[in-house]
Amino acid sequence: MTVMATRSPLGGALLTEPGVSTVSFSTSYTEHKHTVVGPGARGFVVRLLQLALGGVAVDGVFGTVTRDRVAALQRSMAQAPTGVVTPPLWEVLEARDFPFVRQRASVLRVGDSGPEVLSVQRLLGVAPTGVYDADTREAVKAAQSHAGLAGTGVVASRTWSLFDRLSS
């Protein structure tokens, strides 16, 4: 996939050319993955964390319930249960909630093989052979059509994003 980009005259940000598709590797966690969050914190990042944790009120206040939930998650990962969210924990949350984000630049089609194909097959309930065959293509087409995407049977950026949503 080719992405055409130019530098903006207003500060160097990248601008994509109209009509050219782009691939995004960012998630709702991306800009916060280097943020350390702990008891007493407030605001959007805490709400994002609370949504990710589940089972806690999403009020934007990092209180004892949120701290205890973070500590429980840390224990489940064999980490010290500090109750403080650090970059490694954000990475774990992102990998759990967006397992296909790293594949968004790759394209899968009939004849391809490997671990990415195996992941797609498992997600879609196709016999896990690791080879992108006709059954895999039909399952991908069905998932695409059900989600309102073009039913091409080819896994590319938008389909990877769909798979992130389906896996959660």
Protein backbone atom coordinates (compact mmCIF):
# COMPACT_ATOMS: atom_id res chain seq x y z
CA MET A 1 0.00 0.00 0.00
CA THR A 2 1.39 3.39 -0.94
CA VAL A 3 0.76 6.37 1.25
CA MET A 4 1.45 9.78 -0.20
CA ALA A 5 2.32 12.40 2.39
CA THR A 6 3.66 15.91 2.38
CA ARG A 7 4.88 18.22 5.11
CA SER A 8 2.48 20.88 6.30
CA PRO A 9 3.69 24.46 6.03
CA LEU A 10 2.28 24.97 9.54
CA GLY A 11 4.67 23.12 11.80
CA GLY A 12 5.77 20.06 9.88
CA ALA A 13 2.82 17.74 10.48
CA LEU A 14 2.21 15.15 7.80
CA LEU A 15 -0.74 15.70 5.51
CA THR A 16 -2.04 12.88 3.34
CA GLU A 17 -3.05 13.44 -0.24
CA PRO A 18 -6.83 13.40 -0.88
CA GLY A 19 -8.14 10.02 -1.94
CA VAL A 20 -5.11 8.09 -0.74
CA SER A 21 -5.72 5.57 2.00
CA THR A 22 -3.56 5.69 5.08
CA VAL A 23 -2.79 3.09 7.69
CA SER A 24 -3.08 4.07 11.33
CA PHE A 25 -1.06 2.26 13.95
CA SER A 26 -2.49 4.29 16.78
CA THR A 27 -5.11 3.19 19.27
CA SER A 28 -6.96 4.94 22.05
CA TYR A 29 -3.96 4.07 24.25
CA THR A 30 -1.15 5.27 21.97
CA GLU A 31 -0.71 8.83 23.19
CA HIS A 32 -1.00 7.75 26.84
CA LYS A 33 1.31 4.73 26.84
CA HIS A 34 4.14 6.70 28.45
CA THR A 35 1.92 8.20 31.15
CA VAL A 36 2.30 6.96 34.72
CA VAL A 37 -1.08 7.03 36.47
CA GLY A 38 -1.75 6.31 40.11
CA PRO A 39 -3.98 7.04 43.07
CA GLY A 40 -5.21 10.62 43.17
CA ALA A 41 -4.99 11.14 39.40
CA ARG A 42 -8.04 12.54 37.63
CA GLY A 43 -9.24 13.14 34.11
CA PHE A 44 -9.48 11.57 30.70
CA VAL A 45 -6.54 9.18 31.06
CA VAL A 46 -8.09 7.75 34.23
CA ARG A 47 -11.44 7.30 32.44
CA LEU A 48 -9.65 5.52 29.60
CA LEU A 49 -7.93 3.26 32.13
CA GLN A 50 -11.19 2.56 33.95
CA LEU A 51 -12.88 1.59 30.68
CA ALA A 52 -9.97 -0.74 29.91
CA LEU A 53 -10.05 -2.34 33.34
CA GLY A 54 -13.78 -2.93 33.43
CA GLY A 55 -15.65 -3.60 36.66
CA VAL A 56 -15.05 -0.10 38.02
CA ALA A 57 -17.00 3.12 37.83
CA VAL A 58 -15.83 5.28 34.94
CA ASP A 59 -15.67 8.54 36.83
CA GLY A 60 -12.17 9.79 35.98
CA VAL A 61 -11.00 9.54 39.60
CA PHE A 62 -8.19 7.09 40.41
CA GLY A 63 -9.43 5.93 43.80
CA THR A 64 -9.03 2.77 45.83
CA VAL A 65 -11.29 0.63 43.63
CA THR A 66 -9.30 1.54 40.51
CA ARG A 67 -6.02 1.02 42.38
CA ASP A 68 -7.15 -2.42 43.57
CA ARG A 69 -8.23 -3.40 40.05
CA VAL A 70 -4.85 -2.30 38.65
CA ALA A 71 -3.06 -4.27 41.37
CA ALA A 72 -5.13 -7.37 40.57
CA LEU A 73 -4.21 -7.07 36.90
CA GLN A 74 -0.55 -6.67 37.83
CA ARG A 75 -0.71 -9.81 40.01
CA SER A 76 -2.30 -11.75 37.14
CA MET A 77 0.71 -10.76 35.01
CA ALA A 78 3.21 -11.75 37.73
CA GLN A 79 4.15 -8.09 38.26
CA ALA A 80 4.52 -6.35 41.60
CA PRO A 81 0.99 -5.20 42.56
CA THR A 82 1.79 -1.51 42.98
CA GLY A 83 -1.59 -0.26 41.78
CA VAL A 84 0.24 2.29 39.62
CA VAL A 85 -0.08 2.16 35.83
CA THR A 86 3.26 2.35 34.05
CA PRO A 87 4.17 2.06 30.36
CA PRO A 88 4.49 -1.76 30.46
CA LEU A 89 0.92 -2.06 31.74
CA TRP A 90 -0.36 0.26 29.00
CA GLU A 91 1.41 -2.02 26.49
CA VAL A 92 -0.38 -5.06 27.96
CA LEU A 93 -3.75 -3.31 27.77
CA GLU A 94 -3.14 -2.25 24.18
CA ALA A 95 -2.03 -5.73 23.13
CA ARG A 96 -5.12 -7.20 24.78
CA ASP A 97 -7.60 -4.73 23.32
CA PHE A 98 -5.98 -4.20 19.89
CA PRO A 99 -4.25 -7.49 19.09
CA PHE A 100 -4.06 -6.78 15.36
CA VAL A 101 -2.78 -3.18 15.42
CA ARG A 102 0.73 -4.22 14.37
CA GLN A 103 -0.62 -6.07 11.32
CA ARG A 104 -2.49 -3.10 9.84
CA ALA A 105 0.19 -2.49 7.20
CA SER A 106 0.17 -6.09 6.01
CA VAL A 107 -2.19 -7.59 3.45
CA LEU A 108 -3.39 -11.19 3.47
CA ARG A 109 -4.98 -13.04 0.58
CA VAL A 110 -5.43 -16.55 -0.75
CA GLY A 111 -2.12 -18.39 -0.85
CA ASP A 112 -0.51 -16.53 2.05
CA SER A 113 0.54 -18.44 5.13
CA GLY A 114 1.93 -17.88 8.59
CA PRO A 115 0.99 -16.85 12.11
CA GLU A 116 -1.09 -13.87 10.98
CA VAL A 117 -3.28 -16.19 8.91
CA LEU A 118 -3.58 -18.55 11.85
CA SER A 119 -4.75 -15.66 14.08
CA VAL A 120 -7.39 -14.67 11.53
CA GLN A 121 -8.60 -18.25 11.21
CA ARG A 122 -8.93 -18.64 14.97
CA LEU A 123 -10.80 -15.36 15.28
CA LEU A 124 -13.24 -16.29 12.52
CA GLY A 125 -13.70 -19.93 13.53
CA VAL A 126 -12.03 -21.38 10.45
CA ALA A 127 -9.96 -24.58 10.67
CA PRO A 128 -6.57 -23.27 11.90
CA THR A 129 -4.20 -24.42 9.15
CA GLY A 130 -2.09 -21.26 8.86
CA VAL A 131 -2.76 -21.20 5.11
CA TYR A 132 -5.08 -18.56 3.64
CA ASP A 133 -7.40 -20.83 1.68
CA ALA A 134 -10.85 -20.49 0.12
CA ASP A 135 -12.59 -21.18 3.47
CA THR A 136 -10.62 -18.39 5.10
CA ARG A 137 -11.42 -16.01 2.25
CA GLU A 138 -15.15 -16.77 2.55
CA ALA A 139 -15.08 -16.21 6.33
CA VAL A 140 -13.25 -12.90 5.83
CA LYS A 141 -15.76 -11.84 3.16
CA ALA A 142 -18.66 -12.66 5.48
CA ALA A 143 -17.11 -10.67 8.36
CA GLN A 144 -16.41 -7.74 6.05
CA SER A 145 -19.93 -7.71 4.64
CA HIS A 146 -21.49 -8.03 8.09
CA ALA A 147 -19.47 -4.97 9.21
CA GLY A 148 -20.44 -2.90 6.16
CA LEU A 149 -17.03 -3.20 4.51
CA ALA A 150 -16.49 -4.25 0.92
CA GLY A 151 -16.55 -8.05 0.93
CA THR A 152 -13.27 -8.54 -0.89
CA GLY A 153 -11.92 -11.46 1.11
CA VAL A 154 -8.59 -9.63 1.32
CA VAL A 155 -7.39 -8.62 4.78
CA ALA A 156 -5.99 -5.09 4.75
CA SER A 157 -6.01 -2.07 7.07
CA ARG A 158 -9.76 -1.68 7.64
CA THR A 159 -10.26 -5.40 8.06
CA TRP A 160 -7.45 -5.57 10.64
CA SER A 161 -9.24 -2.78 12.54
CA LEU A 162 -12.46 -4.80 12.30
CA PHE A 163 -10.64 -7.82 13.72
CA ASP A 164 -9.48 -5.71 16.69
CA ARG A 165 -13.12 -4.89 17.41
CA LEU A 166 -14.25 -8.50 16.94
CA SER A 167 -11.58 -9.84 19.27
CA SER A 168 -12.63 -7.73 22.23
